[in-house]
Amino acid sequence: MSKKNFTGGLNSLLGEKPTAKKNTKELNQENALKYLKELNKKVGRPVTQTKEITKSSQEGTKENETRATFIVNEDLLEKLKAIAYWDRLLIKDVINTAFEETISKHEKRHGTIKPIPTK
């Protein structure tokens, strides 16, 4: 059952308007709204990334990065993870180094790599 608010006294019964005093329910609603507005504020460093995203695989990545999925031999993957762990590196950094070394060796033997023609 809700409580009755008799703060107006006789003046409210006789027709005079009570003073502009807010009741506790209104104050609680205002506090709740202020709290929700504070929650919606973004916290932390503002995003300064101006990268143009052309594929969904680029979302959440840094400049010149994209997300890719590969099927690999399980033993090779475990060794790669061990290298990253013991060298205190990110797995993506170990993979990037491996890609760079492989591409460098290929270019030394065969010359620069031609891009795949677009259709």
PDB file of N, CA and C in Angstrom:
ATOM      1  N   MET A   1       0.829  -1.171   0.000  1.00  0.00           N
ATOM      2  CA  MET A   1       0.000   0.000   0.000  1.00  0.00           C
ATOM      3  C   MET A   1       0.881   1.243   0.000  1.00  0.00           C
ATOM      4  N   SER A   2       0.522   2.226  -0.819  1.00  0.00           N
ATOM      5  CA  SER A   2       1.339   3.431  -0.870  1.00  0.00           C
ATOM      6  C   SER A   2       0.998   4.361   0.284  1.00  0.00           C
ATOM      7  N   LYS A   3       2.000   5.103   0.717  1.00  0.00           N
ATOM      8  CA  LYS A   3       1.796   6.042   1.817  1.00  0.00           C
ATOM      9  C   LYS A   3       1.202   7.330   1.271  1.00  0.00           C
ATOM     10  N   LYS A   4       0.340   7.921   2.054  1.00  0.00           N
ATOM     11  CA  LYS A   4      -0.266   9.193   1.686  1.00  0.00           C
ATOM     12  C   LYS A   4       0.691  10.324   2.031  1.00  0.00           C
ATOM     13  N   ASN A   5       0.656  11.346   1.229  1.00  0.00           N
ATOM     14  CA  ASN A   5       1.514  12.494   1.462  1.00  0.00           C
ATOM     15  C   ASN A   5       0.655  13.637   1.998  1.00  0.00           C
ATOM     16  N   PHE A   6       0.793  13.941   3.267  1.00  0.00           N
ATOM     17  CA  PHE A   6       0.014  14.995   3.902  1.00  0.00           C
ATOM     18  C   PHE A   6       0.855  16.233   4.178  1.00  0.00           C
ATOM     19  N   THR A   7       1.897  16.452   3.386  1.00  0.00           N
ATOM     20  CA  THR A   7       2.781  17.582   3.654  1.00  0.00           C
ATOM     21  C   THR A   7       2.119  18.919   3.343  1.00  0.00           C
ATOM     22  N   GLY A   8       1.039  18.935   2.569  1.00  0.00           N
ATOM     23  CA  GLY A   8       0.372  20.182   2.228  1.00  0.00           C
ATOM     24  C   GLY A   8      -0.419  20.780   3.387  1.00  0.00           C
ATOM     25  N   GLY A   9      -0.835  19.941   4.308  1.00  0.00           N
ATOM     26  CA  GLY A   9      -1.589  20.426   5.455  1.00  0.00           C
ATOM     27  C   GLY A   9      -2.944  20.983   5.072  1.00  0.00           C
ATOM     28  N   LEU A  10      -3.451  21.912   5.883  1.00  0.00           N
ATOM     29  CA  LEU A  10      -4.760  22.513   5.637  1.00  0.00           C
ATOM     30  C   LEU A  10      -4.767  23.384   4.390  1.00  0.00           C
ATOM     31  N   ASN A  11      -3.627  23.973   4.082  1.00  0.00           N
ATOM     32  CA  ASN A  11      -3.574  24.846   2.904  1.00  0.00           C
ATOM     33  C   ASN A  11      -3.952  24.084   1.641  1.00  0.00           C
ATOM     34  N   SER A  12      -3.528  22.848   1.505  1.00  0.00           N
ATOM     35  CA  SER A  12      -3.871  22.081   0.311  1.00  0.00           C
ATOM     36  C   SER A  12      -5.357  21.745   0.277  1.00  0.00           C
ATOM     37  N   LEU A  13      -5.980  21.566   1.453  1.00  0.00           N
ATOM     38  CA  LEU A  13      -7.416  21.286   1.509  1.00  0.00           C
ATOM     39  C   LEU A  13      -8.241  22.515   1.175  1.00  0.00           C
ATOM     40  N   LEU A  14      -7.742  23.690   1.554  1.00  0.00           N
ATOM     41  CA  LEU A  14      -8.493  24.926   1.340  1.00  0.00           C
ATOM     42  C   LEU A  14      -8.282  25.488  -0.057  1.00  0.00           C
ATOM     43  N   GLY A  15      -7.398  24.855  -0.840  1.00  0.00           N
ATOM     44  CA  GLY A  15      -7.234  25.297  -2.211  1.00  0.00           C
ATOM     45  C   GLY A  15      -5.960  26.060  -2.483  1.00  0.00           C
ATOM     46  N   GLU A  16      -5.231  26.431  -1.475  1.00  0.00           N
ATOM     47  CA  GLU A  16      -3.980  27.123  -1.730  1.00  0.00           C
ATOM     48  C   GLU A  16      -2.934  26.117  -2.167  1.00  0.00           C
ATOM     49  N   LYS A  17      -2.109  26.553  -3.067  1.00  0.00           N
ATOM     50  CA  LYS A  17      -1.079  25.655  -3.572  1.00  0.00           C
ATOM     51  C   LYS A  17       0.039  25.522  -2.540  1.00  0.00           C
ATOM     52  N   PRO A  18       0.482  24.289  -2.301  1.00  0.00           N
ATOM     53  CA  PRO A  18       1.603  24.115  -1.385  1.00  0.00           C
ATOM     54  C   PRO A  18       2.886  24.660  -2.000  1.00  0.00           C
ATOM     55  N   THR A  19       3.865  24.885  -1.189  1.00  0.00           N
ATOM     56  CA  THR A  19       5.142  25.396  -1.678  1.00  0.00           C
ATOM     57  C   THR A  19       5.775  24.358  -2.595  1.00  0.00           C
ATOM     58  N   ALA A  20       6.705  24.792  -3.402  1.00  0.00           N
ATOM     59  CA  ALA A  20       7.358  23.924  -4.398  1.00  0.00           C
ATOM     60  C   ALA A  20       8.374  23.006  -3.740  1.00  0.00           C
ATOM     61  N   LYS A  21       7.900  22.208  -2.828  1.00  0.00           N
ATOM     62  CA  LYS A  21       8.771  21.273  -2.130  1.00  0.00           C
ATOM     63  C   LYS A  21       8.633  19.920  -2.807  1.00  0.00           C
ATOM     64  N   LYS A  22       9.740  19.291  -3.166  1.00  0.00           N
ATOM     65  CA  LYS A  22       9.711  18.012  -3.852  1.00  0.00           C
ATOM     66  C   LYS A  22       9.603  16.894  -2.832  1.00  0.00           C
ATOM     67  N   ASN A  23       8.806  15.884  -3.193  1.00  0.00           N
ATOM     68  CA  ASN A  23       8.701  14.744  -2.296  1.00  0.00           C
ATOM     69  C   ASN A  23       9.865  13.780  -2.533  1.00  0.00           C
ATOM     70  N   THR A  24      10.001  12.823  -1.656  1.00  0.00           N
ATOM     71  CA  THR A  24      11.150  11.911  -1.728  1.00  0.00           C
ATOM     72  C   THR A  24      11.107  11.042  -2.972  1.00  0.00           C
ATOM     73  N   LYS A  25       9.939  10.710  -3.477  1.00  0.00           N
ATOM     74  CA  LYS A  25       9.832   9.887  -4.683  1.00  0.00           C
ATOM     75  C   LYS A  25      10.416  10.632  -5.882  1.00  0.00           C
ATOM     76  N   GLU A  26      10.071  11.935  -6.008  1.00  0.00           N
ATOM     77  CA  GLU A  26      10.616  12.732  -7.108  1.00  0.00           C
ATOM     78  C   GLU A  26      12.128  12.854  -6.991  1.00  0.00           C
ATOM     79  N   LEU A  27      12.620  13.062  -5.765  1.00  0.00           N
ATOM     80  CA  LEU A  27      14.060  13.170  -5.572  1.00  0.00           C
ATOM     81  C   LEU A  27      14.765  11.866  -5.938  1.00  0.00           C
ATOM     82  N   ASN A  28      14.190  10.733  -5.568  1.00  0.00           N
ATOM     83  CA  ASN A  28      14.773   9.436  -5.899  1.00  0.00           C
ATOM     84  C   ASN A  28      14.800   9.222  -7.407  1.00  0.00           C
ATOM     85  N   GLN A  29      13.745   9.655  -8.098  1.00  0.00           N
ATOM     86  CA  GLN A  29      13.703   9.526  -9.554  1.00  0.00           C
ATOM     87  C   GLN A  29      14.779  10.394 -10.203  1.00  0.00           C
ATOM     88  N   GLU A  30      14.935  11.622  -9.687  1.00  0.00           N
ATOM     89  CA  GLU A  30      15.964  12.505 -10.231  1.00  0.00           C
ATOM     90  C   GLU A  30      17.363  11.931 -10.011  1.00  0.00           C
ATOM     91  N   ASN A  31      17.608  11.394  -8.817  1.00  0.00           N
ATOM     92  CA  ASN A  31      18.910  10.782  -8.528  1.00  0.00           C
ATOM     93  C   ASN A  31      19.156   9.584  -9.427  1.00  0.00           C
ATOM     94  N   ALA A  32      18.114   8.797  -9.671  1.00  0.00           N
ATOM     95  CA  ALA A  32      18.253   7.632 -10.544  1.00  0.00           C
ATOM     96  C   ALA A  32      18.593   8.069 -11.965  1.00  0.00           C
ATOM     97  N   LEU A  33      17.931   9.136 -12.441  1.00  0.00           N
ATOM     98  CA  LEU A  33      18.220   9.634 -13.783  1.00  0.00           C
ATOM     99  C   LEU A  33      19.659  10.152 -13.886  1.00  0.00           C
ATOM    100  N   LYS A  34      20.103  10.873 -12.862  1.00  0.00           N
ATOM    101  CA  LYS A  34      21.480  11.367 -12.856  1.00  0.00           C
ATOM    102  C   LYS A  34      22.465  10.213 -12.884  1.00  0.00           C
ATOM    103  N   TYR A  35      22.173   9.155 -12.107  1.00  0.00           N
ATOM    104  CA  TYR A  35      23.044   7.982 -12.045  1.00  0.00           C
ATOM    105  C   TYR A  35      23.107   7.291 -13.401  1.00  0.00           C
ATOM    106  N   LEU A  36      21.954   7.146 -14.065  1.00  0.00           N
ATOM    107  CA  LEU A  36      21.935   6.504 -15.380  1.00  0.00           C
ATOM    108  C   LEU A  36      22.693   7.326 -16.412  1.00  0.00           C
ATOM    109  N   LYS A  37      22.582   8.652 -16.333  1.00  0.00           N
ATOM    110  CA  LYS A  37      23.329   9.502 -17.257  1.00  0.00           C
ATOM    111  C   LYS A  37      24.826   9.348 -17.044  1.00  0.00           C
ATOM    112  N   GLU A  38      25.252   9.229 -15.791  1.00  0.00           N
ATOM    113  CA  GLU A  38      26.664   9.039 -15.497  1.00  0.00           C
ATOM    114  C   GLU A  38      27.163   7.695 -16.027  1.00  0.00           C
ATOM    115  N   LEU A  39      26.322   6.665 -15.956  1.00  0.00           N
ATOM    116  CA  LEU A  39      26.706   5.349 -16.469  1.00  0.00           C
ATOM    117  C   LEU A  39      26.905   5.379 -17.979  1.00  0.00           C
ATOM    118  N   ASN A  40      26.103   6.180 -18.674  1.00  0.00           N
ATOM    119  CA  ASN A  40      26.190   6.247 -20.126  1.00  0.00           C
ATOM    120  C   ASN A  40      27.397   7.034 -20.611  1.00  0.00           C
ATOM    121  N   LYS A  41      28.048   7.779 -19.720  1.00  0.00           N
ATOM    122  CA  LYS A  41      29.227   8.528 -20.129  1.00  0.00           C
ATOM    123  C   LYS A  41      30.330   7.557 -20.482  1.00  0.00           C
ATOM    124  N   LYS A  42      31.050   7.866 -21.542  1.00  0.00           N
ATOM    125  CA  LYS A  42      32.147   6.999 -21.944  1.00  0.00           C
ATOM    126  C   LYS A  42      33.334   7.236 -21.038  1.00  0.00           C
ATOM    127  N   VAL A  43      33.941   6.155 -20.602  1.00  0.00           N
ATOM    128  CA  VAL A  43      35.046   6.211 -19.673  1.00  0.00           C
ATOM    129  C   VAL A  43      36.325   5.865 -20.418  1.00  0.00           C
ATOM    130  N   GLY A  44      37.419   6.465 -20.002  1.00  0.00           N
ATOM    131  CA  GLY A  44      38.710   6.123 -20.589  1.00  0.00           C
ATOM    132  C   GLY A  44      39.129   7.091 -21.680  1.00  0.00           C
ATOM    133  N   ARG A  45      40.162   6.690 -22.363  1.00  0.00           N
ATOM    134  CA  ARG A  45      40.724   7.520 -23.418  1.00  0.00           C
ATOM    135  C   ARG A  45      39.773   7.566 -24.608  1.00  0.00           C
ATOM    136  N   PRO A  46      39.549   8.742 -25.179  1.00  0.00           N
ATOM    137  CA  PRO A  46      38.652   8.824 -26.325  1.00  0.00           C
ATOM    138  C   PRO A  46      39.257   8.132 -27.541  1.00  0.00           C
ATOM    139  N   VAL A  47      38.408   7.578 -28.374  1.00  0.00           N
ATOM    140  CA  VAL A  47      38.862   6.892 -29.572  1.00  0.00           C
ATOM    141  C   VAL A  47      39.316   7.933 -30.581  1.00  0.00           C
ATOM    142  N   THR A  48      40.550   7.812 -31.020  1.00  0.00           N
ATOM    143  CA  THR A  48      41.087   8.764 -31.990  1.00  0.00           C
ATOM    144  C   THR A  48      41.369   8.096 -33.320  1.00  0.00           C
ATOM    145  N   GLN A  49      40.837   6.916 -33.509  1.00  0.00           N
ATOM    146  CA  GLN A  49      41.079   6.169 -34.721  1.00  0.00           C
ATOM    147  C   GLN A  49      40.252   6.758 -35.848  1.00  0.00           C
ATOM    148  N   THR A  50      40.913   7.106 -36.950  1.00  0.00           N
ATOM    149  CA  THR A  50      40.223   7.661 -38.102  1.00  0.00           C
ATOM    150  C   THR A  50      40.290   6.707 -39.279  1.00  0.00           C
ATOM    151  N   LYS A  51      40.558   5.444 -38.997  1.00  0.00           N
ATOM    152  CA  LYS A  51      40.702   4.422 -40.018  1.00  0.00           C
ATOM    153  C   LYS A  51      39.369   4.178 -40.708  1.00  0.00           C
ATOM    154  N   GLU A  52      39.409   4.076 -42.023  1.00  0.00           N
ATOM    155  CA  GLU A  52      38.206   3.777 -42.782  1.00  0.00           C
ATOM    156  C   GLU A  52      38.052   2.263 -42.860  1.00  0.00           C
ATOM    157  N   ILE A  53      36.955   1.765 -42.358  1.00  0.00           N
ATOM    158  CA  ILE A  53      36.698   0.327 -42.343  1.00  0.00           C
ATOM    159  C   ILE A  53      35.972  -0.051 -43.625  1.00  0.00           C
ATOM    160  N   THR A  54      36.610  -0.937 -44.416  1.00  0.00           N
ATOM    161  CA  THR A  54      36.009  -1.368 -45.679  1.00  0.00           C
ATOM    162  C   THR A  54      35.468  -2.790 -45.586  1.00  0.00           C
ATOM    163  N   LYS A  55      35.928  -3.565 -44.594  1.00  0.00           N
ATOM    164  CA  LYS A  55      35.464  -4.942 -44.402  1.00  0.00           C
ATOM    165  C   LYS A  55      35.134  -5.152 -42.930  1.00  0.00           C
ATOM    166  N   SER A  56      34.219  -6.043 -42.654  1.00  0.00           N
ATOM    167  CA  SER A  56      33.857  -6.311 -41.259  1.00  0.00           C
ATOM    168  C   SER A  56      35.020  -6.927 -40.490  1.00  0.00           C
ATOM    169  N   SER A  57      35.975  -7.542 -41.188  1.00  0.00           N
ATOM    170  CA  SER A  57      37.125  -8.154 -40.524  1.00  0.00           C
ATOM    171  C   SER A  57      38.107  -7.105 -40.001  1.00  0.00           C
ATOM    172  N   GLN A  58      37.900  -5.855 -40.352  1.00  0.00           N
ATOM    173  CA  GLN A  58      38.780  -4.781 -39.884  1.00  0.00           C
ATOM    174  C   GLN A  58      38.263  -4.119 -38.610  1.00  0.00           C
ATOM    175  N   GLU A  59      37.044  -4.432 -38.216  1.00  0.00           N
ATOM    176  CA  GLU A  59      36.471  -3.808 -37.026  1.00  0.00           C
ATOM    177  C   GLU A  59      37.255  -4.229 -35.786  1.00  0.00           C
ATOM    178  N   GLY A  60      37.597  -3.255 -34.954  1.00  0.00           N
ATOM    179  CA  GLY A  60      38.301  -3.532 -33.710  1.00  0.00           C
ATOM    180  C   GLY A  60      39.784  -3.799 -33.886  1.00  0.00           C
ATOM    181  N   THR A  61      40.335  -3.458 -35.040  1.00  0.00           N
ATOM    182  CA  THR A  61      41.760  -3.656 -35.281  1.00  0.00           C
ATOM    183  C   THR A  61      42.451  -2.316 -35.476  1.00  0.00           C
ATOM    184  N   LYS A  62      43.771  -2.341 -35.442  1.00  0.00           N
ATOM    185  CA  LYS A  62      44.558  -1.122 -35.640  1.00  0.00           C
ATOM    186  C   LYS A  62      44.711  -0.835 -37.129  1.00  0.00           C
ATOM    187  N   GLU A  63      45.324   0.300 -37.429  1.00  0.00           N
ATOM    188  CA  GLU A  63      45.591   0.696 -38.807  1.00  0.00           C
ATOM    189  C   GLU A  63      46.430  -0.381 -39.495  1.00  0.00           C
ATOM    190  N   ASN A  64      46.117  -0.686 -40.742  1.00  0.00           N
ATOM    191  CA  ASN A  64      46.810  -1.692 -41.567  1.00  0.00           C
ATOM    192  C   ASN A  64      46.705  -3.101 -41.001  1.00  0.00           C
ATOM    193  N   GLU A  65      45.684  -3.390 -40.237  1.00  0.00           N
ATOM    194  CA  GLU A  65      45.461  -4.734 -39.721  1.00  0.00           C
ATOM    195  C   GLU A  65      44.083  -5.214 -40.161  1.00  0.00           C
ATOM    196  N   THR A  66      43.964  -6.523 -40.288  1.00  0.00           N
ATOM    197  CA  THR A  66      42.680  -7.144 -40.563  1.00  0.00           C
ATOM    198  C   THR A  66      42.633  -8.481 -39.842  1.00  0.00           C
ATOM    199  N   ARG A  67      41.457  -8.973 -39.607  1.00  0.00           N
ATOM    200  CA  ARG A  67      41.278 -10.251 -38.919  1.00  0.00           C
ATOM    201  C   ARG A  67      41.222 -11.345 -39.974  1.00  0.00           C
ATOM    202  N   ALA A  68      41.929 -12.464 -39.736  1.00  0.00           N
ATOM    203  CA  ALA A  68      41.936 -13.586 -40.672  1.00  0.00           C
ATOM    204  C   ALA A  68      41.838 -14.892 -39.891  1.00  0.00           C
ATOM    205  N   THR A  69      41.262 -15.893 -40.527  1.00  0.00           N
ATOM    206  CA  THR A  69      41.125 -17.212 -39.913  1.00  0.00           C
ATOM    207  C   THR A  69      41.852 -18.223 -40.779  1.00  0.00           C
ATOM    208  N   PHE A  70      42.683 -19.056 -40.141  1.00  0.00           N
ATOM    209  CA  PHE A  70      43.449 -20.064 -40.857  1.00  0.00           C
ATOM    210  C   PHE A  70      43.271 -21.414 -40.194  1.00  0.00           C
ATOM    211  N   ILE A  71      43.371 -22.462 -40.992  1.00  0.00           N
ATOM    212  CA  ILE A  71      43.404 -23.812 -40.453  1.00  0.00           C
ATOM    213  C   ILE A  71      44.871 -24.217 -40.427  1.00  0.00           C
ATOM    214  N   VAL A  72      45.361 -24.598 -39.239  1.00  0.00           N
ATOM    215  CA  VAL A  72      46.775 -24.933 -39.089  1.00  0.00           C
ATOM    216  C   VAL A  72      46.927 -26.275 -38.375  1.00  0.00           C
ATOM    217  N   ASN A  73      48.085 -26.852 -38.524  1.00  0.00           N
ATOM    218  CA  ASN A  73      48.434 -28.081 -37.836  1.00  0.00           C
ATOM    219  C   ASN A  73      48.470 -27.800 -36.331  1.00  0.00           C
ATOM    220  N   GLU A  74      47.853 -28.654 -35.538  1.00  0.00           N
ATOM    221  CA  GLU A  74      47.763 -28.434 -34.094  1.00  0.00           C
ATOM    222  C   GLU A  74      49.129 -28.359 -33.423  1.00  0.00           C
ATOM    223  N   ASP A  75      50.065 -29.223 -33.849  1.00  0.00           N
ATOM    224  CA  ASP A  75      51.408 -29.211 -33.254  1.00  0.00           C
ATOM    225  C   ASP A  75      52.123 -27.897 -33.530  1.00  0.00           C
ATOM    226  N   LEU A  76      51.978 -27.391 -34.770  1.00  0.00           N
ATOM    227  CA  LEU A  76      52.613 -26.111 -35.107  1.00  0.00           C
ATOM    228  C   LEU A  76      52.010 -24.970 -34.288  1.00  0.00           C
ATOM    229  N   LEU A  77      50.709 -25.025 -34.100  1.00  0.00           N
ATOM    230  CA  LEU A  77      50.040 -23.983 -33.318  1.00  0.00           C
ATOM    231  C   LEU A  77      50.513 -23.999 -31.873  1.00  0.00           C
ATOM    232  N   GLU A  78      50.632 -25.174 -31.280  1.00  0.00           N
ATOM    233  CA  GLU A  78      51.107 -25.268 -29.893  1.00  0.00           C
ATOM    234  C   GLU A  78      52.531 -24.730 -29.767  1.00  0.00           C
ATOM    235  N   LYS A  79      53.377 -25.033 -30.747  1.00  0.00           N
ATOM    236  CA  LYS A  79      54.755 -24.529 -30.723  1.00  0.00           C
ATOM    237  C   LYS A  79      54.766 -23.007 -30.875  1.00  0.00           C
ATOM    238  N   LEU A  80      53.926 -22.504 -31.750  1.00  0.00           N
ATOM    239  CA  LEU A  80      53.839 -21.053 -31.947  1.00  0.00           C
ATOM    240  C   LEU A  80      53.390 -20.357 -30.669  1.00  0.00           C
ATOM    241  N   LYS A  81      52.391 -20.934 -29.988  1.00  0.00           N
ATOM    242  CA  LYS A  81      51.927 -20.369 -28.718  1.00  0.00           C
ATOM    243  C   LYS A  81      53.025 -20.425 -27.664  1.00  0.00           C
ATOM    244  N   ALA A  82      53.811 -21.499 -27.660  1.00  0.00           N
ATOM    245  CA  ALA A  82      54.914 -21.623 -26.701  1.00  0.00           C
ATOM    246  C   ALA A  82      55.977 -20.561 -26.968  1.00  0.00           C
ATOM    247  N   ILE A  83      56.269 -20.313 -28.238  1.00  0.00           N
ATOM    248  CA  ILE A  83      57.243 -19.265 -28.586  1.00  0.00           C
ATOM    249  C   ILE A  83      56.752 -17.916 -28.069  1.00  0.00           C
ATOM    250  N   ALA A  84      55.482 -17.614 -28.320  1.00  0.00           N
ATOM    251  CA  ALA A  84      54.908 -16.342 -27.862  1.00  0.00           C
ATOM    252  C   ALA A  84      54.951 -16.251 -26.342  1.00  0.00           C
ATOM    253  N   TYR A  85      54.656 -17.349 -25.670  1.00  0.00           N
ATOM    254  CA  TYR A  85      54.652 -17.346 -24.202  1.00  0.00           C
ATOM    255  C   TYR A  85      56.053 -17.103 -23.654  1.00  0.00           C
ATOM    256  N   TRP A  86      57.024 -17.880 -24.107  1.00  0.00           N
ATOM    257  CA  TRP A  86      58.368 -17.801 -23.539  1.00  0.00           C
ATOM    258  C   TRP A  86      59.091 -16.520 -23.937  1.00  0.00           C
ATOM    259  N   ASP A  87      58.768 -15.965 -25.103  1.00  0.00           N
ATOM    260  CA  ASP A  87      59.388 -14.703 -25.518  1.00  0.00           C
ATOM    261  C   ASP A  87      58.575 -13.491 -25.064  1.00  0.00           C
ATOM    262  N   ARG A  88      57.483 -13.747 -24.365  1.00  0.00           N
ATOM    263  CA  ARG A  88      56.596 -12.685 -23.859  1.00  0.00           C
ATOM    264  C   ARG A  88      56.112 -11.779 -24.997  1.00  0.00           C
ATOM    265  N   LEU A  89      55.616 -12.416 -26.041  1.00  0.00           N
ATOM    266  CA  LEU A  89      55.098 -11.708 -27.202  1.00  0.00           C
ATOM    267  C   LEU A  89      53.632 -12.080 -27.417  1.00  0.00           C
ATOM    268  N   LEU A  90      52.968 -11.281 -28.209  1.00  0.00           N
ATOM    269  CA  LEU A  90      51.615 -11.637 -28.624  1.00  0.00           C
ATOM    270  C   LEU A  90      51.710 -12.654 -29.756  1.00  0.00           C
ATOM    271  N   ILE A  91      50.735 -13.539 -29.822  1.00  0.00           N
ATOM    272  CA  ILE A  91      50.723 -14.545 -30.882  1.00  0.00           C
ATOM    273  C   ILE A  91      50.717 -13.860 -32.245  1.00  0.00           C
ATOM    274  N   LYS A  92      49.954 -12.779 -32.378  1.00  0.00           N
ATOM    275  CA  LYS A  92      49.899 -12.093 -33.677  1.00  0.00           C
ATOM    276  C   LYS A  92      51.257 -11.525 -34.057  1.00  0.00           C
ATOM    277  N   ASP A  93      52.082 -11.129 -33.084  1.00  0.00           N
ATOM    278  CA  ASP A  93      53.419 -10.616 -33.391  1.00  0.00           C
ATOM    279  C   ASP A  93      54.338 -11.730 -33.874  1.00  0.00           C
ATOM    280  N   VAL A  94      54.224 -12.909 -33.286  1.00  0.00           N
ATOM    281  CA  VAL A  94      55.030 -14.058 -33.729  1.00  0.00           C
ATOM    282  C   VAL A  94      54.622 -14.441 -35.151  1.00  0.00           C
ATOM    283  N   ILE A  95      53.325 -14.446 -35.422  1.00  0.00           N
ATOM    284  CA  ILE A  95      52.829 -14.790 -36.762  1.00  0.00           C
ATOM    285  C   ILE A  95      53.278 -13.739 -37.772  1.00  0.00           C
ATOM    286  N   ASN A  96      53.193 -12.454 -37.421  1.00  0.00           N
ATOM    287  CA  ASN A  96      53.642 -11.395 -38.333  1.00  0.00           C
ATOM    288  C   ASN A  96      55.117 -11.551 -38.672  1.00  0.00           C
ATOM    289  N   THR A  97      55.933 -11.869 -37.669  1.00  0.00           N
ATOM    290  CA  THR A  97      57.368 -12.077 -37.906  1.00  0.00           C
ATOM    291  C   THR A  97      57.580 -13.255 -38.853  1.00  0.00           C
ATOM    292  N   ALA A  98      56.843 -14.340 -38.634  1.00  0.00           N
ATOM    293  CA  ALA A  98      56.966 -15.512 -39.511  1.00  0.00           C
ATOM    294  C   ALA A  98      56.546 -15.164 -40.938  1.00  0.00           C
ATOM    295  N   PHE A  99      55.460 -14.419 -41.089  1.00  0.00           N
ATOM    296  CA  PHE A  99      55.019 -13.999 -42.425  1.00  0.00           C
ATOM    297  C   PHE A  99      56.081 -13.139 -43.094  1.00  0.00           C
ATOM    298  N   GLU A 100      56.612 -12.155 -42.354  1.00  0.00           N
ATOM    299  CA  GLU A 100      57.618 -11.251 -42.919  1.00  0.00           C
ATOM    300  C   GLU A 100      58.861 -12.010 -43.363  1.00  0.00           C
ATOM    301  N   GLU A 101      59.332 -12.956 -42.539  1.00  0.00           N
ATOM    302  CA  GLU A 101      60.522 -13.733 -42.895  1.00  0.00           C
ATOM    303  C   GLU A 101      60.269 -14.615 -44.118  1.00  0.00           C
ATOM    304  N   THR A 102      59.098 -15.235 -44.177  1.00  0.00           N
ATOM    305  CA  THR A 102      58.755 -16.090 -45.313  1.00  0.00           C
ATOM    306  C   THR A 102      58.661 -15.273 -46.594  1.00  0.00           C
ATOM    307  N   ILE A 103      58.009 -14.145 -46.528  1.00  0.00           N
ATOM    308  CA  ILE A 103      57.862 -13.287 -47.706  1.00  0.00           C
ATOM    309  C   ILE A 103      59.221 -12.750 -48.142  1.00  0.00           C
ATOM    310  N   SER A 104      60.058 -12.358 -47.186  1.00  0.00           N
ATOM    311  CA  SER A 104      61.400 -11.861 -47.506  1.00  0.00           C
ATOM    312  C   SER A 104      62.227 -12.923 -48.220  1.00  0.00           C
ATOM    313  N   LYS A 105      62.209 -14.161 -47.714  1.00  0.00           N
ATOM    314  CA  LYS A 105      62.934 -15.258 -48.360  1.00  0.00           C
ATOM    315  C   LYS A 105      62.408 -15.508 -49.772  1.00  0.00           C
ATOM    316  N   HIS A 106      61.086 -15.475 -49.931  1.00  0.00           N
ATOM    317  CA  HIS A 106      60.481 -15.702 -51.244  1.00  0.00           C
ATOM    318  C   HIS A 106      60.897 -14.612 -52.223  1.00  0.00           C
ATOM    319  N   GLU A 107      60.906 -13.376 -51.768  1.00  0.00           N
ATOM    320  CA  GLU A 107      61.266 -12.263 -52.661  1.00  0.00           C
ATOM    321  C   GLU A 107      62.745 -12.296 -53.036  1.00  0.00           C
ATOM    322  N   LYS A 108      63.602 -12.791 -52.151  1.00  0.00           N
ATOM    323  CA  LYS A 108      65.027 -12.905 -52.481  1.00  0.00           C
ATOM    324  C   LYS A 108      65.236 -13.941 -53.590  1.00  0.00           C
ATOM    325  N   ARG A 109      64.470 -15.018 -53.549  1.00  0.00           N
ATOM    326  CA  ARG A 109      64.609 -16.071 -54.552  1.00  0.00           C
ATOM    327  C   ARG A 109      63.905 -15.738 -55.861  1.00  0.00           C
ATOM    328  N   HIS A 110      62.715 -15.133 -55.776  1.00  0.00           N
ATOM    329  CA  HIS A 110      61.865 -14.966 -56.954  1.00  0.00           C
ATOM    330  C   HIS A 110      61.613 -13.514 -57.357  1.00  0.00           C
ATOM    331  N   GLY A 111      62.101 -12.558 -56.633  1.00  0.00           N
ATOM    332  CA  GLY A 111      61.826 -11.145 -56.922  1.00  0.00           C
ATOM    333  C   GLY A 111      60.543 -10.695 -56.235  1.00  0.00           C
ATOM    334  N   THR A 112      60.179  -9.460 -56.489  1.00  0.00           N
ATOM    335  CA  THR A 112      58.998  -8.905 -55.822  1.00  0.00           C
ATOM    336  C   THR A 112      57.738  -9.674 -56.198  1.00  0.00           C
ATOM    337  N   ILE A 113      56.827  -9.707 -55.280  1.00  0.00           N
ATOM    338  CA  ILE A 113      55.575 -10.450 -55.475  1.00  0.00           C
ATOM    339  C   ILE A 113      54.558  -9.549 -56.179  1.00  0.00           C
ATOM    340  N   LYS A 114      53.995 -10.071 -57.260  1.00  0.00           N
ATOM    341  CA  LYS A 114      52.979  -9.323 -57.989  1.00  0.00           C
ATOM    342  C   LYS A 114      51.646  -9.473 -57.279  1.00  0.00           C
ATOM    343  N   PRO A 115      50.883  -8.387 -57.193  1.00  0.00           N
ATOM    344  CA  PRO A 115      49.555  -8.500 -56.556  1.00  0.00           C
ATOM    345  C   PRO A 115      48.601  -9.353 -57.409  1.00  0.00           C
ATOM    346  N   ILE A 116      47.645  -9.954 -56.760  1.00  0.00           N
ATOM    347  CA  ILE A 116      46.637 -10.753 -57.460  1.00  0.00           C
ATOM    348  C   ILE A 116      45.750  -9.792 -58.247  1.00  0.00           C
ATOM    349  N   PRO A 117      45.529 -10.089 -59.540  1.00  0.00           N
ATOM    350  CA  PRO A 117      44.680  -9.173 -60.325  1.00  0.00           C
ATOM    351  C   PRO A 117      43.236  -9.186 -59.837  1.00  0.00           C
ATOM    352  N   THR A 118      42.605  -8.021 -59.881  1.00  0.00           N
ATOM    353  CA  THR A 118      41.202  -7.927 -59.494  1.00  0.00           C
ATOM    354  C   THR A 118      40.344  -8.344 -60.676  1.00  0.00           C
ATOM    355  N   LYS A 119      39.184  -8.873 -60.382  1.00  0.00           N
ATOM    356  CA  LYS A 119      38.278  -9.378 -61.438  1.00  0.00           C
ATOM    357  C   LYS A 119      37.469  -8.274 -62.016  1.00  0.00           C
TER     358      LYS A 119
END
